[in-house]
N, C-alpha and C. Protein backbone atom coordinates (compact mmCIF):
# COMPACT_ATOMS: atom_id res chain seq x y z
N MET A 1 -31.49 26.76 -44.10
CA MET A 1 -30.42 27.16 -43.56
C MET A 1 -29.59 25.78 -42.92
N TYR A 2 -28.47 25.72 -42.87
CA TYR A 2 -28.02 24.48 -42.42
C TYR A 2 -27.22 25.04 -41.04
N SER A 3 -27.14 24.04 -40.01
CA SER A 3 -26.61 24.23 -38.59
C SER A 3 -25.18 24.03 -38.91
N ILE A 4 -24.44 25.01 -37.93
CA ILE A 4 -22.93 24.93 -38.01
C ILE A 4 -22.48 23.19 -37.71
N GLU A 5 -23.13 22.58 -36.95
CA GLU A 5 -23.05 21.07 -36.69
C GLU A 5 -23.04 20.49 -37.97
N CYS A 6 -24.03 20.72 -38.95
CA CYS A 6 -24.50 19.89 -40.07
C CYS A 6 -23.16 20.27 -40.95
N ILE A 7 -22.80 21.35 -41.33
CA ILE A 7 -21.71 21.90 -42.03
C ILE A 7 -20.42 21.32 -41.39
N SER A 8 -19.86 21.35 -40.24
CA SER A 8 -19.09 20.78 -39.77
C SER A 8 -18.87 19.13 -39.86
N PHE A 9 -20.02 18.39 -39.83
CA PHE A 9 -20.32 17.23 -40.18
C PHE A 9 -19.72 16.63 -41.77
N ILE A 10 -20.34 17.79 -42.62
CA ILE A 10 -20.26 17.54 -43.93
C ILE A 10 -18.58 17.61 -44.51
N TRP A 11 -18.06 18.69 -43.44
CA TRP A 11 -16.60 18.78 -44.10
C TRP A 11 -15.57 17.75 -43.37
N THR A 12 -16.08 17.08 -42.21
CA THR A 12 -15.34 16.08 -41.78
C THR A 12 -15.40 14.93 -42.68
N ILE A 13 -16.58 14.64 -43.18
CA ILE A 13 -16.73 13.63 -44.17
C ILE A 13 -15.93 13.73 -45.47
N ILE A 14 -15.82 15.06 -46.06
CA ILE A 14 -15.28 15.42 -47.15
C ILE A 14 -13.79 15.31 -46.83
N LEU A 15 -13.37 15.72 -45.80
CA LEU A 15 -11.67 15.68 -45.51
C LEU A 15 -11.48 14.45 -45.49
N SER A 16 -12.04 13.64 -44.65
CA SER A 16 -11.56 12.11 -44.33
C SER A 16 -11.72 11.20 -45.60
N SER A 17 -12.40 11.63 -46.78
CA SER A 17 -12.39 10.79 -47.79
C SER A 17 -11.22 11.31 -48.80
N VAL A 18 -10.60 12.30 -48.52
CA VAL A 18 -9.48 12.85 -49.41
C VAL A 18 -8.25 12.24 -48.79
N SER A 19 -7.40 11.67 -49.75
CA SER A 19 -6.13 11.16 -49.57
C SER A 19 -4.80 11.96 -49.42
N PHE A 20 -4.51 12.12 -48.40
CA PHE A 20 -3.27 13.26 -48.36
C PHE A 20 -1.95 12.37 -48.15
N ARG A 21 -0.91 12.80 -48.88
CA ARG A 21 0.16 11.91 -48.98
C ARG A 21 1.24 12.73 -48.00
N LYS A 22 1.92 12.05 -47.27
CA LYS A 22 2.88 12.48 -46.45
C LYS A 22 4.17 12.85 -47.23
N MET A 23 4.65 13.99 -47.34
CA MET A 23 5.67 14.31 -47.99
C MET A 23 6.34 15.26 -47.37
N SER A 24 6.49 15.50 -46.24
CA SER A 24 7.52 16.47 -45.30
C SER A 24 8.34 15.72 -44.43
N LYS A 25 8.39 14.31 -44.53
CA LYS A 25 9.27 13.89 -43.32
C LYS A 25 10.68 13.84 -44.22
N ASN A 26 11.65 13.39 -43.38
CA ASN A 26 12.99 13.42 -43.86
C ASN A 26 13.93 11.93 -44.17
N TYR A 27 12.83 10.77 -44.10
CA TYR A 27 13.10 9.67 -44.42
C TYR A 27 12.30 8.73 -44.99
N LEU A 28 12.79 7.77 -45.58
CA LEU A 28 12.02 6.62 -46.15
C LEU A 28 12.77 5.25 -45.48
N SER A 29 11.85 4.54 -44.96
CA SER A 29 11.84 3.14 -44.51
C SER A 29 11.72 2.17 -45.20
N ARG A 30 11.81 0.87 -44.59
CA ARG A 30 11.65 -0.35 -45.48
C ARG A 30 10.01 -0.31 -46.30
N ASN A 31 10.21 -0.30 -47.72
CA ASN A 31 8.94 -0.40 -48.21
C ASN A 31 8.27 1.02 -48.33
N ASP A 32 8.75 2.16 -48.05
CA ASP A 32 8.25 3.18 -48.34
C ASP A 32 8.48 3.82 -49.62
N GLU A 33 7.61 4.71 -50.31
CA GLU A 33 8.01 5.00 -51.71
C GLU A 33 7.63 6.54 -51.89
N LEU A 34 8.13 7.08 -52.74
CA LEU A 34 7.68 8.45 -53.41
C LEU A 34 7.36 8.21 -54.59
N ARG A 35 6.34 8.99 -55.03
CA ARG A 35 5.71 9.09 -56.13
C ARG A 35 6.01 10.56 -56.82
N ARG A 36 6.10 10.65 -58.14
CA ARG A 36 6.26 11.94 -58.74
C ARG A 36 5.88 13.07 -58.17
N GLY A 37 6.46 14.03 -57.81
CA GLY A 37 6.07 15.20 -56.97
C GLY A 37 6.09 15.36 -55.59
N ASP A 38 6.58 14.09 -55.05
CA ASP A 38 6.77 13.75 -53.44
C ASP A 38 8.05 14.04 -53.15
N TYR A 39 8.28 14.38 -51.90
CA TYR A 39 9.61 14.91 -51.41
C TYR A 39 10.05 14.89 -50.22
N LEU A 40 11.14 14.48 -49.67
CA LEU A 40 11.78 14.71 -48.34
C LEU A 40 12.18 15.85 -48.18
N MET A 41 12.06 16.55 -46.85
CA MET A 41 12.37 17.59 -46.45
C MET A 41 13.24 17.47 -45.04
N SER A 42 14.67 18.00 -45.04
CA SER A 42 15.39 18.02 -44.02
C SER A 42 14.88 18.49 -42.69
N ASN A 43 14.94 18.10 -41.72
CA ASN A 43 14.47 18.65 -40.31
C ASN A 43 14.79 20.17 -40.28
N ASN A 44 16.00 20.75 -40.64
CA ASN A 44 16.13 22.04 -40.42
C ASN A 44 15.37 23.02 -41.82
N GLY A 45 14.59 22.22 -42.51
CA GLY A 45 13.83 22.82 -43.53
C GLY A 45 14.78 23.52 -44.70
N GLN A 46 15.96 23.43 -44.70
CA GLN A 46 16.91 24.22 -45.66
C GLN A 46 17.02 23.18 -46.99
N TRP A 47 16.59 21.74 -47.08
CA TRP A 47 16.97 20.81 -47.97
C TRP A 47 15.87 20.30 -48.34
N LYS A 48 15.75 19.93 -49.49
CA LYS A 48 14.45 19.06 -50.14
C LYS A 48 15.03 18.18 -51.05
N ALA A 49 14.58 16.77 -50.92
CA ALA A 49 14.93 15.98 -52.08
C ALA A 49 13.74 15.65 -52.75
N ILE A 50 13.58 16.05 -53.94
CA ILE A 50 12.25 15.94 -54.89
C ILE A 50 12.28 14.86 -55.86
N PHE A 51 11.20 13.97 -55.93
CA PHE A 51 11.19 12.93 -57.03
C PHE A 51 10.28 13.71 -57.98
N GLN A 52 10.90 14.48 -59.04
CA GLN A 52 10.33 15.44 -59.88
C GLN A 52 9.49 14.65 -60.96
N GLY A 53 8.48 15.55 -61.39
CA GLY A 53 7.85 15.24 -62.59
C GLY A 53 8.35 14.50 -63.83
N ASP A 54 9.44 15.15 -64.07
CA ASP A 54 10.11 14.61 -64.91
C ASP A 54 11.01 13.34 -64.88
N GLY A 55 11.00 12.79 -63.59
CA GLY A 55 11.62 11.42 -63.35
C GLY A 55 12.78 11.51 -62.80
N ASN A 56 13.41 12.87 -62.46
CA ASN A 56 14.66 13.03 -61.88
C ASN A 56 14.33 13.25 -60.42
N PHE A 57 15.38 12.58 -59.70
CA PHE A 57 15.09 12.78 -58.24
C PHE A 57 16.65 13.73 -58.02
N VAL A 58 16.09 14.76 -57.32
CA VAL A 58 17.01 15.84 -56.98
C VAL A 58 16.98 16.56 -55.64
N ILE A 59 18.40 16.86 -55.03
CA ILE A 59 18.40 17.62 -53.79
C ILE A 59 18.54 18.88 -54.14
N TYR A 60 17.62 19.80 -53.55
CA TYR A 60 17.57 21.31 -53.65
C TYR A 60 18.10 22.04 -52.30
N GLY A 61 18.87 22.84 -52.27
CA GLY A 61 19.11 23.84 -51.23
C GLY A 61 18.29 25.10 -51.85
N TRP A 62 19.27 26.16 -51.91
CA TRP A 62 18.81 27.13 -52.87
C TRP A 62 18.99 27.14 -54.25
N LYS A 63 19.73 26.22 -54.66
CA LYS A 63 19.95 25.29 -55.97
C LYS A 63 20.17 23.89 -55.84
N PRO A 64 20.04 23.29 -57.12
CA PRO A 64 20.44 21.78 -57.05
C PRO A 64 21.72 21.46 -56.72
N VAL A 65 22.05 20.39 -55.84
CA VAL A 65 23.48 19.96 -55.47
C VAL A 65 23.55 18.50 -55.78
N TRP A 66 22.44 17.72 -56.30
CA TRP A 66 22.85 16.34 -56.62
C TRP A 66 21.53 15.98 -57.37
N ALA A 67 21.56 14.97 -58.34
CA ALA A 67 20.62 14.56 -59.03
C ALA A 67 20.87 13.12 -59.61
N SER A 68 20.01 12.36 -59.67
CA SER A 68 19.99 10.78 -60.00
C SER A 68 20.12 10.96 -61.55
N ASP A 69 20.09 11.92 -62.35
CA ASP A 69 20.37 12.11 -63.84
C ASP A 69 19.33 11.09 -64.52
N THR A 70 18.07 11.28 -64.02
CA THR A 70 17.03 10.30 -64.83
C THR A 70 16.08 11.23 -65.50
N CYS A 71 16.34 12.48 -65.54
CA CYS A 71 15.37 13.36 -66.26
C CYS A 71 15.09 12.75 -67.63
N GLY A 72 13.72 12.70 -67.88
CA GLY A 72 13.15 12.45 -69.05
C GLY A 72 12.92 10.82 -68.95
N SER A 73 13.08 10.18 -67.86
CA SER A 73 12.83 8.78 -67.92
C SER A 73 11.18 8.72 -67.66
N ASP A 74 11.04 7.37 -67.71
CA ASP A 74 9.36 7.03 -67.38
C ASP A 74 9.32 6.62 -66.02
N ALA A 75 10.28 7.06 -65.28
CA ALA A 75 10.06 6.27 -63.61
C ALA A 75 8.81 6.84 -63.22
N VAL A 76 8.00 6.26 -62.15
CA VAL A 76 6.96 6.58 -61.55
C VAL A 76 7.09 6.58 -59.99
N ARG A 77 7.98 6.08 -59.60
CA ARG A 77 8.11 5.57 -58.10
C ARG A 77 9.35 5.34 -57.66
N LEU A 78 9.73 5.78 -56.60
CA LEU A 78 11.08 5.49 -56.00
C LEU A 78 11.00 4.67 -54.47
N ILE A 79 11.30 3.62 -54.33
CA ILE A 79 11.04 2.69 -53.22
C ILE A 79 12.31 2.33 -52.38
N MET A 80 12.24 2.36 -51.19
CA MET A 80 13.14 1.84 -50.18
C MET A 80 12.79 0.45 -49.95
N GLN A 81 13.50 -0.45 -50.76
CA GLN A 81 13.06 -1.91 -50.61
C GLN A 81 13.59 -2.54 -49.57
N GLU A 82 13.01 -3.88 -49.18
CA GLU A 82 13.45 -4.53 -48.08
C GLU A 82 14.96 -5.07 -48.02
N ASP A 83 15.55 -5.13 -49.20
CA ASP A 83 16.95 -5.59 -49.32
C ASP A 83 17.79 -4.67 -49.14
N CYS A 84 17.45 -3.13 -48.73
CA CYS A 84 18.17 -1.84 -48.74
C CYS A 84 18.59 -1.37 -50.04
N ASN A 85 17.92 -1.75 -50.87
CA ASN A 85 18.06 -0.99 -52.22
C ASN A 85 17.19 0.00 -52.71
N LEU A 86 17.68 1.26 -52.88
CA LEU A 86 16.72 2.51 -53.27
C LEU A 86 16.69 2.16 -54.84
N VAL A 87 15.36 1.76 -55.38
CA VAL A 87 15.06 1.72 -56.82
C VAL A 87 13.97 2.68 -57.22
N MET A 88 14.27 3.19 -58.25
CA MET A 88 13.29 3.88 -59.01
C MET A 88 12.67 2.86 -60.24
N TYR A 89 11.36 2.68 -60.42
CA TYR A 89 10.59 1.93 -61.12
C TYR A 89 9.66 2.69 -62.03
N ASN A 90 9.30 1.98 -63.35
CA ASN A 90 8.38 2.68 -64.24
C ASN A 90 6.93 2.04 -63.81
N GLU A 91 6.03 2.36 -64.58
CA GLU A 91 4.79 1.77 -64.71
C GLU A 91 4.61 0.21 -64.84
N CYS A 92 5.73 -0.22 -65.63
CA CYS A 92 5.68 -1.74 -65.98
C CYS A 92 6.60 -2.37 -64.76
N ASN A 93 7.00 -2.01 -63.82
CA ASN A 93 7.78 -2.22 -62.72
C ASN A 93 9.27 -2.58 -63.27
N ARG A 94 9.56 -2.18 -64.27
CA ARG A 94 10.94 -2.22 -64.62
C ARG A 94 12.02 -0.99 -63.93
N PRO A 95 13.01 -1.46 -63.48
CA PRO A 95 14.11 -0.57 -62.77
C PRO A 95 14.53 0.45 -63.75
N LYS A 96 14.69 1.84 -63.18
CA LYS A 96 15.23 2.79 -64.34
C LYS A 96 16.54 3.28 -63.63
N TRP A 97 16.65 3.15 -62.30
CA TRP A 97 17.83 3.60 -61.59
C TRP A 97 17.84 2.94 -60.01
N ALA A 98 19.01 2.65 -59.47
CA ALA A 98 18.97 2.18 -58.08
C ALA A 98 20.42 2.69 -57.44
N SER A 99 20.61 2.49 -56.25
CA SER A 99 21.40 2.84 -55.48
C SER A 99 22.61 1.74 -55.21
N ASP A 100 22.11 0.67 -55.80
CA ASP A 100 22.91 -0.83 -55.81
C ASP A 100 23.42 -1.22 -54.50
N THR A 101 22.37 -1.09 -53.60
CA THR A 101 23.07 -1.52 -52.04
C THR A 101 22.34 -2.64 -51.74
N ASP A 102 21.67 -3.54 -52.49
CA ASP A 102 20.67 -4.59 -52.23
C ASP A 102 21.88 -5.74 -51.35
N THR A 103 21.31 -6.09 -50.13
CA THR A 103 22.05 -6.90 -49.47
C THR A 103 20.98 -8.16 -48.77
N PRO A 104 21.60 -9.36 -48.98
CA PRO A 104 20.49 -10.51 -48.51
C PRO A 104 20.21 -10.20 -47.07
N GLY A 105 19.19 -11.12 -46.41
CA GLY A 105 18.95 -10.90 -45.34
C GLY A 105 18.03 -9.82 -44.85
N SER A 106 17.43 -10.01 -43.77
CA SER A 106 16.39 -9.00 -43.27
C SER A 106 17.23 -7.84 -42.29
N HIS A 107 16.97 -6.62 -42.86
CA HIS A 107 17.48 -5.45 -42.11
C HIS A 107 16.54 -4.24 -41.86
N VAL A 108 17.22 -3.39 -40.89
CA VAL A 108 16.48 -2.07 -40.94
C VAL A 108 17.17 -1.08 -41.67
N CYS A 109 16.52 -0.92 -42.90
CA CYS A 109 16.96 0.15 -44.04
C CYS A 109 16.21 1.35 -43.81
N ARG A 110 17.05 2.37 -44.14
CA ARG A 110 16.34 3.78 -44.10
C ARG A 110 17.34 4.55 -44.76
N LEU A 111 16.72 5.60 -45.74
CA LEU A 111 17.08 6.69 -46.79
C LEU A 111 16.80 7.83 -45.72
N HIS A 112 17.78 8.71 -45.55
CA HIS A 112 17.62 9.70 -44.61
C HIS A 112 18.28 10.94 -45.36
N LEU A 113 17.41 12.33 -45.31
CA LEU A 113 17.91 13.35 -45.87
C LEU A 113 18.55 14.13 -44.65
N SER A 114 19.90 14.43 -44.60
CA SER A 114 20.46 14.92 -43.45
C SER A 114 20.11 16.63 -43.46
N ASP A 115 20.50 17.15 -42.50
CA ASP A 115 20.69 18.84 -42.16
C ASP A 115 21.60 19.34 -43.14
N ASP A 116 22.78 18.69 -43.45
CA ASP A 116 23.72 19.11 -44.54
C ASP A 116 23.10 18.84 -45.84
N GLY A 117 21.84 18.57 -46.32
CA GLY A 117 21.68 18.28 -47.79
C GLY A 117 22.06 16.95 -48.24
N ILE A 118 22.62 16.01 -47.50
CA ILE A 118 23.18 14.65 -48.18
C ILE A 118 22.19 13.39 -47.77
N LEU A 119 21.84 12.75 -48.80
CA LEU A 119 21.09 11.54 -48.87
C LEU A 119 21.88 10.50 -48.17
N GLN A 120 21.51 9.64 -47.16
CA GLN A 120 22.36 8.72 -46.64
C GLN A 120 21.29 7.40 -46.57
N LEU A 121 21.87 6.35 -47.03
CA LEU A 121 21.05 5.07 -46.94
C LEU A 121 22.15 4.26 -45.86
N HIS A 122 21.16 3.85 -44.73
CA HIS A 122 21.93 3.06 -43.72
C HIS A 122 21.11 1.72 -43.76
N LYS A 123 21.96 0.64 -43.51
CA LYS A 123 21.39 -0.63 -43.20
C LYS A 123 21.75 -1.00 -41.76
N ASP A 124 20.67 -1.19 -41.07
CA ASP A 124 21.19 -1.26 -39.49
C ASP A 124 21.99 0.03 -39.13
N ALA A 125 23.00 -0.08 -38.58
CA ALA A 125 23.84 1.07 -38.24
C ALA A 125 24.89 1.50 -39.39
N THR A 126 24.94 0.60 -40.42
CA THR A 126 26.16 0.90 -41.31
C THR A 126 25.69 1.91 -42.70
N GLU A 127 26.30 2.67 -42.99
CA GLU A 127 26.28 3.50 -44.09
C GLU A 127 26.59 2.53 -45.35
N LEU A 128 25.43 2.44 -46.19
CA LEU A 128 25.93 1.84 -47.59
C LEU A 128 26.07 2.73 -48.60
N TRP A 129 25.53 3.91 -48.68
CA TRP A 129 25.53 4.77 -49.81
C TRP A 129 25.11 6.03 -49.37
N ASN A 130 25.61 7.16 -49.86
CA ASN A 130 25.39 8.59 -49.68
C ASN A 130 25.34 9.18 -51.06
N SER A 131 24.86 10.33 -51.23
CA SER A 131 24.65 11.15 -52.43
C SER A 131 25.92 12.03 -52.52
N THR A 132 26.91 11.84 -51.76
CA THR A 132 28.26 12.71 -51.84
C THR A 132 29.21 11.54 -52.82
N MET A 133 28.99 10.30 -52.63
CA MET A 133 29.98 9.30 -53.13
C MET A 133 29.31 8.80 -54.55
N SER A 134 28.15 8.78 -54.80
CA SER A 134 27.48 8.30 -55.90
C SER A 134 26.16 8.88 -56.43
N ARG A 135 26.02 8.71 -57.56
CA ARG A 135 24.84 9.04 -58.20
C ARG A 135 23.75 7.91 -58.46
N GLY A 136 24.45 6.57 -58.24
CA GLY A 136 23.76 5.35 -58.33
C GLY A 136 23.92 4.88 -59.55
N GLU A 137 22.89 3.91 -60.19
CA GLU A 137 23.10 3.25 -61.30
C GLU A 137 21.98 3.48 -62.07
N LYS A 138 22.15 4.14 -63.49
CA LYS A 138 20.92 4.09 -64.36
C LYS A 138 20.54 2.45 -64.89
N LYS A 139 19.49 2.02 -65.00
CA LYS A 139 19.29 0.58 -65.45
C LYS A 139 18.76 0.68 -66.88
């Protein structure tokens, strides 16, 4: 029979070896990315922006309110790049969609899902893009 300490130690080893993805934050900063199935959650818990398994990036409340219209694409990751461009890439690193917000120089870039269900992309304190004004650009 194993002691409680031994069982606890074994579970600690097992859990520390498993990689858990953080998927419930409400923003992406520079070089953060989402993979298929990952999502952003608004602070109030009412909105979710999901990078779906079909390659579409969609904001949901009780129904979809915005989408990148990339359903069926081979995109596998969505990254907030250093140049403040939000880009969806396939396995071969070919862009499939972008916010077209690339700016030269070094900036603090952040994509945020607001409590109103709006994705907002900021460079420093300036809003470059939001989901109410654009779907971005398919590549």
